[in-house]
Amino acid sequence: MSSSKNIIDLHGVRHEWVEEVLEKSLLGYHDTEGWEIITGNSPLMIELVESFLVRHWFHWIREPHNYGRIILTEKGWK
């Protein structure tokens, strides 16, 4: 993890461990805005991450030129 920003790199993480990694990395932090999640291009990995983010009320953006990177924008009600 970089000192200037928080990055969760899921390369090499098994699909069945994604939920646990995200829980330990994101839940409990008051400010996750600007955190990055690197999913790679696996459609299943992206689906697992987005499902977690929806269930836990995170908002995020995806850059058009890098589909395997999710940037958290805020947490809260839509």
PDB file of N, CA and C in Angstrom:
ATOM      1  N   MET A   1       0.819  -1.184   0.000  1.00  0.00           N
ATOM      2  CA  MET A   1       0.000   0.000   0.000  1.00  0.00           C
ATOM      3  C   MET A   1       0.863   1.248   0.000  1.00  0.00           C
ATOM      4  N   SER A   2       0.489   2.203  -0.783  1.00  0.00           N
ATOM      5  CA  SER A   2       1.215   3.469  -0.865  1.00  0.00           C
ATOM      6  C   SER A   2       0.855   4.360   0.312  1.00  0.00           C
ATOM      7  N   SER A   3       1.788   5.201   0.721  1.00  0.00           N
ATOM      8  CA  SER A   3       1.508   6.094   1.842  1.00  0.00           C
ATOM      9  C   SER A   3       0.585   7.243   1.430  1.00  0.00           C
ATOM     10  N   SER A   4       0.545   7.592   0.148  1.00  0.00           N
ATOM     11  CA  SER A   4      -0.269   8.714  -0.286  1.00  0.00           C
ATOM     12  C   SER A   4      -1.706   8.313  -0.603  1.00  0.00           C
ATOM     13  N   LYS A   5      -1.945   7.058  -0.879  1.00  0.00           N
ATOM     14  CA  LYS A   5      -3.305   6.604  -1.138  1.00  0.00           C
ATOM     15  C   LYS A   5      -3.413   5.131  -0.773  1.00  0.00           C
ATOM     16  N   ASN A   6      -4.614   4.702  -0.530  1.00  0.00           N
ATOM     17  CA  ASN A   6      -4.853   3.312  -0.173  1.00  0.00           C
ATOM     18  C   ASN A   6      -5.289   2.536  -1.405  1.00  0.00           C
ATOM     19  N   ILE A   7      -4.589   1.458  -1.669  1.00  0.00           N
ATOM     20  CA  ILE A   7      -4.862   0.624  -2.827  1.00  0.00           C
ATOM     21  C   ILE A   7      -5.074  -0.807  -2.356  1.00  0.00           C
ATOM     22  N   ILE A   8      -6.155  -1.417  -2.823  1.00  0.00           N
ATOM     23  CA  ILE A   8      -6.409  -2.832  -2.575  1.00  0.00           C
ATOM     24  C   ILE A   8      -6.216  -3.521  -3.919  1.00  0.00           C
ATOM     25  N   ASP A   9      -5.146  -4.285  -4.038  1.00  0.00           N
ATOM     26  CA  ASP A   9      -4.833  -4.976  -5.286  1.00  0.00           C
ATOM     27  C   ASP A   9      -5.278  -6.426  -5.148  1.00  0.00           C
ATOM     28  N   LEU A  10      -6.284  -6.807  -5.929  1.00  0.00           N
ATOM     29  CA  LEU A  10      -6.856  -8.147  -5.837  1.00  0.00           C
ATOM     30  C   LEU A  10      -6.225  -9.147  -6.803  1.00  0.00           C
ATOM     31  N   HIS A  11      -5.163  -8.750  -7.499  1.00  0.00           N
ATOM     32  CA  HIS A  11      -4.454  -9.703  -8.352  1.00  0.00           C
ATOM     33  C   HIS A  11      -3.954 -10.844  -7.474  1.00  0.00           C
ATOM     34  N   GLY A  12      -4.241 -12.054  -7.857  1.00  0.00           N
ATOM     35  CA  GLY A  12      -3.783 -13.220  -7.119  1.00  0.00           C
ATOM     36  C   GLY A  12      -4.689 -13.632  -5.972  1.00  0.00           C
ATOM     37  N   VAL A  13      -5.723 -12.844  -5.689  1.00  0.00           N
ATOM     38  CA  VAL A  13      -6.664 -13.199  -4.624  1.00  0.00           C
ATOM     39  C   VAL A  13      -7.726 -14.131  -5.224  1.00  0.00           C
ATOM     40  N   ARG A  14      -7.956 -15.253  -4.558  1.00  0.00           N
ATOM     41  CA  ARG A  14      -8.976 -16.193  -5.027  1.00  0.00           C
ATOM     42  C   ARG A  14     -10.358 -15.564  -4.884  1.00  0.00           C
ATOM     43  N   HIS A  15     -11.239 -15.882  -5.809  1.00  0.00           N
ATOM     44  CA  HIS A  15     -12.579 -15.297  -5.806  1.00  0.00           C
ATOM     45  C   HIS A  15     -13.298 -15.511  -4.477  1.00  0.00           C
ATOM     46  N   GLU A  16     -13.123 -16.674  -3.875  1.00  0.00           N
ATOM     47  CA  GLU A  16     -13.827 -16.954  -2.622  1.00  0.00           C
ATOM     48  C   GLU A  16     -13.280 -16.145  -1.441  1.00  0.00           C
ATOM     49  N   TRP A  17     -12.155 -15.481  -1.594  1.00  0.00           N
ATOM     50  CA  TRP A  17     -11.558 -14.674  -0.520  1.00  0.00           C
ATOM     51  C   TRP A  17     -11.813 -13.174  -0.687  1.00  0.00           C
ATOM     52  N   VAL A  18     -12.405 -12.782  -1.801  1.00  0.00           N
ATOM     53  CA  VAL A  18     -12.601 -11.358  -2.095  1.00  0.00           C
ATOM     54  C   VAL A  18     -13.407 -10.660  -1.007  1.00  0.00           C
ATOM     55  N   GLU A  19     -14.519 -11.258  -0.602  1.00  0.00           N
ATOM     56  CA  GLU A  19     -15.382 -10.661   0.424  1.00  0.00           C
ATOM     57  C   GLU A  19     -14.597 -10.391   1.709  1.00  0.00           C
ATOM     58  N   GLU A  20     -13.829 -11.353   2.157  1.00  0.00           N
ATOM     59  CA  GLU A  20     -13.055 -11.208   3.386  1.00  0.00           C
ATOM     60  C   GLU A  20     -11.989 -10.112   3.256  1.00  0.00           C
ATOM     61  N   VAL A  21     -11.305 -10.090   2.129  1.00  0.00           N
ATOM     62  CA  VAL A  21     -10.278  -9.060   1.907  1.00  0.00           C
ATOM     63  C   VAL A  21     -10.901  -7.670   1.927  1.00  0.00           C
ATOM     64  N   LEU A  22     -12.038  -7.500   1.258  1.00  0.00           N
ATOM     65  CA  LEU A  22     -12.692  -6.196   1.225  1.00  0.00           C
ATOM     66  C   LEU A  22     -13.231  -5.798   2.599  1.00  0.00           C
ATOM     67  N   GLU A  23     -13.802  -6.759   3.321  1.00  0.00           N
ATOM     68  CA  GLU A  23     -14.291  -6.457   4.670  1.00  0.00           C
ATOM     69  C   GLU A  23     -13.163  -5.953   5.556  1.00  0.00           C
ATOM     70  N   LYS A  24     -12.043  -6.671   5.563  1.00  0.00           N
ATOM     71  CA  LYS A  24     -10.909  -6.295   6.414  1.00  0.00           C
ATOM     72  C   LYS A  24     -10.275  -4.973   5.972  1.00  0.00           C
ATOM     73  N   SER A  25     -10.332  -4.695   4.681  1.00  0.00           N
ATOM     74  CA  SER A  25      -9.672  -3.506   4.146  1.00  0.00           C
ATOM     75  C   SER A  25     -10.524  -2.250   4.216  1.00  0.00           C
ATOM     76  N   LEU A  26     -11.848  -2.380   4.085  1.00  0.00           N
ATOM     77  CA  LEU A  26     -12.698  -1.195   3.932  1.00  0.00           C
ATOM     78  C   LEU A  26     -13.634  -0.913   5.098  1.00  0.00           C
ATOM     79  N   LEU A  27     -14.198  -1.953   5.678  1.00  0.00           N
ATOM     80  CA  LEU A  27     -15.210  -1.718   6.704  1.00  0.00           C
ATOM     81  C   LEU A  27     -14.551  -1.232   7.986  1.00  0.00           C
ATOM     82  N   GLY A  28     -15.144  -0.254   8.590  1.00  0.00           N
ATOM     83  CA  GLY A  28     -14.597   0.318   9.807  1.00  0.00           C
ATOM     84  C   GLY A  28     -13.843   1.616   9.578  1.00  0.00           C
ATOM     85  N   TYR A  29     -13.517   1.916   8.341  1.00  0.00           N
ATOM     86  CA  TYR A  29     -12.863   3.191   8.034  1.00  0.00           C
ATOM     87  C   TYR A  29     -13.935   4.241   7.799  1.00  0.00           C
ATOM     88  N   HIS A  30     -13.771   5.401   8.374  1.00  0.00           N
ATOM     89  CA  HIS A  30     -14.754   6.470   8.191  1.00  0.00           C
ATOM     90  C   HIS A  30     -14.595   7.145   6.841  1.00  0.00           C
ATOM     91  N   ASP A  31     -13.373   7.240   6.348  1.00  0.00           N
ATOM     92  CA  ASP A  31     -13.122   7.942   5.089  1.00  0.00           C
ATOM     93  C   ASP A  31     -12.402   7.009   4.119  1.00  0.00           C
ATOM     94  N   THR A  32     -13.148   6.494   3.166  1.00  0.00           N
ATOM     95  CA  THR A  32     -12.548   5.628   2.149  1.00  0.00           C
ATOM     96  C   THR A  32     -12.530   6.310   0.786  1.00  0.00           C
ATOM     97  N   GLU A  33     -12.935   7.576   0.753  1.00  0.00           N
ATOM     98  CA  GLU A  33     -12.942   8.308  -0.513  1.00  0.00           C
ATOM     99  C   GLU A  33     -11.533   8.356  -1.093  1.00  0.00           C
ATOM    100  N   GLY A  34     -11.432   8.015  -2.377  1.00  0.00           N
ATOM    101  CA  GLY A  34     -10.145   8.025  -3.056  1.00  0.00           C
ATOM    102  C   GLY A  34      -9.420   6.687  -3.018  1.00  0.00           C
ATOM    103  N   TRP A  35      -9.898   5.750  -2.193  1.00  0.00           N
ATOM    104  CA  TRP A  35      -9.283   4.421  -2.182  1.00  0.00           C
ATOM    105  C   TRP A  35      -9.467   3.797  -3.550  1.00  0.00           C
ATOM    106  N   GLU A  36      -8.531   2.965  -3.937  1.00  0.00           N
ATOM    107  CA  GLU A  36      -8.597   2.280  -5.224  1.00  0.00           C
ATOM    108  C   GLU A  36      -8.651   0.775  -5.004  1.00  0.00           C
ATOM    109  N   ILE A  37      -9.449   0.122  -5.821  1.00  0.00           N
ATOM    110  CA  ILE A  37      -9.497  -1.335  -5.833  1.00  0.00           C
ATOM    111  C   ILE A  37      -9.091  -1.781  -7.225  1.00  0.00           C
ATOM    112  N   ILE A  38      -8.038  -2.557  -7.295  1.00  0.00           N
ATOM    113  CA  ILE A  38      -7.559  -3.080  -8.570  1.00  0.00           C
ATOM    114  C   ILE A  38      -8.136  -4.485  -8.723  1.00  0.00           C
ATOM    115  N   THR A  39      -9.017  -4.658  -9.712  1.00  0.00           N
ATOM    116  CA  THR A  39      -9.678  -5.947  -9.913  1.00  0.00           C
ATOM    117  C   THR A  39      -9.043  -6.761 -11.031  1.00  0.00           C
ATOM    118  N   GLY A  40      -8.325  -6.105 -11.917  1.00  0.00           N
ATOM    119  CA  GLY A  40      -7.921  -6.775 -13.145  1.00  0.00           C
ATOM    120  C   GLY A  40      -9.126  -6.833 -14.067  1.00  0.00           C
ATOM    121  N   ASN A  41      -9.028  -7.611 -15.118  1.00  0.00           N
ATOM    122  CA  ASN A  41     -10.093  -7.641 -16.120  1.00  0.00           C
ATOM    123  C   ASN A  41     -11.036  -8.825 -15.987  1.00  0.00           C
ATOM    124  N   SER A  42     -10.961  -9.556 -14.889  1.00  0.00           N
ATOM    125  CA  SER A  42     -11.844 -10.700 -14.667  1.00  0.00           C
ATOM    126  C   SER A  42     -13.278 -10.219 -14.434  1.00  0.00           C
ATOM    127  N   PRO A  43     -14.208 -10.580 -15.320  1.00  0.00           N
ATOM    128  CA  PRO A  43     -15.606 -10.174 -15.115  1.00  0.00           C
ATOM    129  C   PRO A  43     -16.163 -10.667 -13.772  1.00  0.00           C
ATOM    130  N   LEU A  44     -15.786 -11.862 -13.337  1.00  0.00           N
ATOM    131  CA  LEU A  44     -16.271 -12.376 -12.060  1.00  0.00           C
ATOM    132  C   LEU A  44     -15.712 -11.568 -10.897  1.00  0.00           C
ATOM    133  N   MET A  45     -14.438 -11.215 -10.945  1.00  0.00           N
ATOM    134  CA  MET A  45     -13.836 -10.412  -9.874  1.00  0.00           C
ATOM    135  C   MET A  45     -14.528  -9.054  -9.797  1.00  0.00           C
ATOM    136  N   ILE A  46     -14.756  -8.435 -10.929  1.00  0.00           N
ATOM    137  CA  ILE A  46     -15.431  -7.135 -10.974  1.00  0.00           C
ATOM    138  C   ILE A  46     -16.836  -7.261 -10.398  1.00  0.00           C
ATOM    139  N   GLU A  47     -17.557  -8.313 -10.762  1.00  0.00           N
ATOM    140  CA  GLU A  47     -18.908  -8.539 -10.252  1.00  0.00           C
ATOM    141  C   GLU A  47     -18.904  -8.734  -8.732  1.00  0.00           C
ATOM    142  N   LEU A  48     -17.951  -9.493  -8.213  1.00  0.00           N
ATOM    143  CA  LEU A  48     -17.860  -9.723  -6.776  1.00  0.00           C
ATOM    144  C   LEU A  48     -17.596  -8.416  -6.023  1.00  0.00           C
ATOM    145  N   VAL A  49     -16.682  -7.615  -6.540  1.00  0.00           N
ATOM    146  CA  VAL A  49     -16.348  -6.341  -5.895  1.00  0.00           C
ATOM    147  C   VAL A  49     -17.535  -5.384  -5.945  1.00  0.00           C
ATOM    148  N   GLU A  50     -18.153  -5.246  -7.099  1.00  0.00           N
ATOM    149  CA  GLU A  50     -19.291  -4.329  -7.220  1.00  0.00           C
ATOM    150  C   GLU A  50     -20.446  -4.764  -6.329  1.00  0.00           C
ATOM    151  N   SER A  51     -20.689  -6.066  -6.229  1.00  0.00           N
ATOM    152  CA  SER A  51     -21.737  -6.579  -5.358  1.00  0.00           C
ATOM    153  C   SER A  51     -21.456  -6.206  -3.902  1.00  0.00           C
ATOM    154  N   PHE A  52     -20.208  -6.367  -3.465  1.00  0.00           N
ATOM    155  CA  PHE A  52     -19.814  -5.976  -2.110  1.00  0.00           C
ATOM    156  C   PHE A  52     -20.047  -4.487  -1.896  1.00  0.00           C
ATOM    157  N   LEU A  53     -19.618  -3.672  -2.845  1.00  0.00           N
ATOM    158  CA  LEU A  53     -19.740  -2.222  -2.712  1.00  0.00           C
ATOM    159  C   LEU A  53     -21.199  -1.781  -2.632  1.00  0.00           C
ATOM    160  N   VAL A  54     -22.066  -2.398  -3.412  1.00  0.00           N
ATOM    161  CA  VAL A  54     -23.494  -2.069  -3.381  1.00  0.00           C
ATOM    162  C   VAL A  54     -24.083  -2.445  -2.021  1.00  0.00           C
ATOM    163  N   ARG A  55     -23.783  -3.632  -1.534  1.00  0.00           N
ATOM    164  CA  ARG A  55     -24.327  -4.098  -0.258  1.00  0.00           C
ATOM    165  C   ARG A  55     -23.892  -3.227   0.919  1.00  0.00           C
ATOM    166  N   HIS A  56     -22.734  -2.586   0.799  1.00  0.00           N
ATOM    167  CA  HIS A  56     -22.205  -1.784   1.892  1.00  0.00           C
ATOM    168  C   HIS A  56     -22.276  -0.275   1.614  1.00  0.00           C
ATOM    169  N   TRP A  57     -23.107   0.107   0.655  1.00  0.00           N
ATOM    170  CA  TRP A  57     -23.431   1.510   0.380  1.00  0.00           C
ATOM    171  C   TRP A  57     -22.247   2.362  -0.068  1.00  0.00           C
ATOM    172  N   PHE A  58     -21.294   1.770  -0.750  1.00  0.00           N
ATOM    173  CA  PHE A  58     -20.183   2.545  -1.301  1.00  0.00           C
ATOM    174  C   PHE A  58     -20.585   3.118  -2.652  1.00  0.00           C
ATOM    175  N   HIS A  59     -20.031   4.262  -2.976  1.00  0.00           N
ATOM    176  CA  HIS A  59     -20.183   4.848  -4.313  1.00  0.00           C
ATOM    177  C   HIS A  59     -18.801   4.791  -4.962  1.00  0.00           C
ATOM    178  N   TRP A  60     -18.770   4.607  -6.260  1.00  0.00           N
ATOM    179  CA  TRP A  60     -17.495   4.475  -6.933  1.00  0.00           C
ATOM    180  C   TRP A  60     -17.597   4.913  -8.382  1.00  0.00           C
ATOM    181  N   ILE A  61     -16.439   5.094  -8.970  1.00  0.00           N
ATOM    182  CA  ILE A  61     -16.348   5.373 -10.403  1.00  0.00           C
ATOM    183  C   ILE A  61     -15.347   4.397 -11.010  1.00  0.00           C
ATOM    184  N   ARG A  62     -15.468   4.236 -12.284  1.00  0.00           N
ATOM    185  CA  ARG A  62     -14.550   3.400 -13.044  1.00  0.00           C
ATOM    186  C   ARG A  62     -14.041   4.248 -14.203  1.00  0.00           C
ATOM    187  N   GLU A  63     -12.744   4.297 -14.360  1.00  0.00           N
ATOM    188  CA  GLU A  63     -12.179   5.088 -15.452  1.00  0.00           C
ATOM    189  C   GLU A  63     -12.395   4.356 -16.774  1.00  0.00           C
ATOM    190  N   PRO A  64     -12.821   5.071 -17.804  1.00  0.00           N
ATOM    191  CA  PRO A  64     -13.103   4.420 -19.092  1.00  0.00           C
ATOM    192  C   PRO A  64     -11.880   3.725 -19.707  1.00  0.00           C
ATOM    193  N   HIS A  65     -10.690   4.257 -19.457  1.00  0.00           N
ATOM    194  CA  HIS A  65      -9.488   3.692 -20.069  1.00  0.00           C
ATOM    195  C   HIS A  65      -8.849   2.584 -19.217  1.00  0.00           C
ATOM    196  N   ASN A  66      -9.411   2.323 -18.020  1.00  0.00           N
ATOM    197  CA  ASN A  66      -8.855   1.271 -17.158  1.00  0.00           C
ATOM    198  C   ASN A  66      -9.998   0.591 -16.420  1.00  0.00           C
ATOM    199  N   TYR A  67     -10.626  -0.371 -17.078  1.00  0.00           N
ATOM    200  CA  TYR A  67     -11.822  -1.021 -16.548  1.00  0.00           C
ATOM    201  C   TYR A  67     -11.532  -1.845 -15.291  1.00  0.00           C
ATOM    202  N   GLY A  68     -10.301  -2.220 -15.070  1.00  0.00           N
ATOM    203  CA  GLY A  68      -9.935  -3.038 -13.917  1.00  0.00           C
ATOM    204  C   GLY A  68      -9.577  -2.240 -12.686  1.00  0.00           C
ATOM    205  N   ARG A  69      -9.966  -0.982 -12.640  1.00  0.00           N
ATOM    206  CA  ARG A  69      -9.649  -0.105 -11.508  1.00  0.00           C
ATOM    207  C   ARG A  69     -10.911   0.604 -11.045  1.00  0.00           C
ATOM    208  N   ILE A  70     -11.258   0.432  -9.772  1.00  0.00           N
ATOM    209  CA  ILE A  70     -12.425   1.071  -9.177  1.00  0.00           C
ATOM    210  C   ILE A  70     -11.923   2.097  -8.169  1.00  0.00           C
ATOM    211  N   ILE A  71     -12.469   3.309  -8.233  1.00  0.00           N
ATOM    212  CA  ILE A  71     -12.093   4.364  -7.300  1.00  0.00           C
ATOM    213  C   ILE A  71     -13.313   4.697  -6.453  1.00  0.00           C
ATOM    214  N   LEU A  72     -13.170   4.576  -5.132  1.00  0.00           N
ATOM    215  CA  LEU A  72     -14.268   4.886  -4.236  1.00  0.00           C
ATOM    216  C   LEU A  72     -14.423   6.396  -4.133  1.00  0.00           C
ATOM    217  N   THR A  73     -15.668   6.862  -4.239  1.00  0.00           N
ATOM    218  CA  THR A  73     -15.914   8.288  -4.188  1.00  0.00           C
ATOM    219  C   THR A  73     -16.481   8.728  -2.849  1.00  0.00           C
ATOM    220  N   GLU A  74     -17.255   7.889  -2.206  1.00  0.00           N
ATOM    221  CA  GLU A  74     -17.815   8.200  -0.892  1.00  0.00           C
ATOM    222  C   GLU A  74     -18.565   6.986  -0.382  1.00  0.00           C
ATOM    223  N   LYS A  75     -18.987   7.054   0.848  1.00  0.00           N
ATOM    224  CA  LYS A  75     -19.815   6.008   1.417  1.00  0.00           C
ATOM    225  C   LYS A  75     -21.028   6.689   2.013  1.00  0.00           C
ATOM    226  N   GLY A  76     -22.204   6.162   1.750  1.00  0.00           N
ATOM    227  CA  GLY A  76     -23.415   6.749   2.312  1.00  0.00           C
ATOM    228  C   GLY A  76     -24.614   6.450   1.459  1.00  0.00           C
ATOM    229  N   TRP A  77     -25.689   7.106   1.754  1.00  0.00           N
ATOM    230  CA  TRP A  77     -26.948   6.896   1.019  1.00  0.00           C
ATOM    231  C   TRP A  77     -26.875   7.529  -0.353  1.00  0.00           C
ATOM    232  N   LYS A  78     -27.499   6.888  -1.312  1.00  0.00           N
ATOM    233  CA  LYS A  78     -27.551   7.422  -2.669  1.00  0.00           C
ATOM    234  C   LYS A  78     -28.640   8.466  -2.777  1.00  0.00           C
TER     235      LYS A  78
END
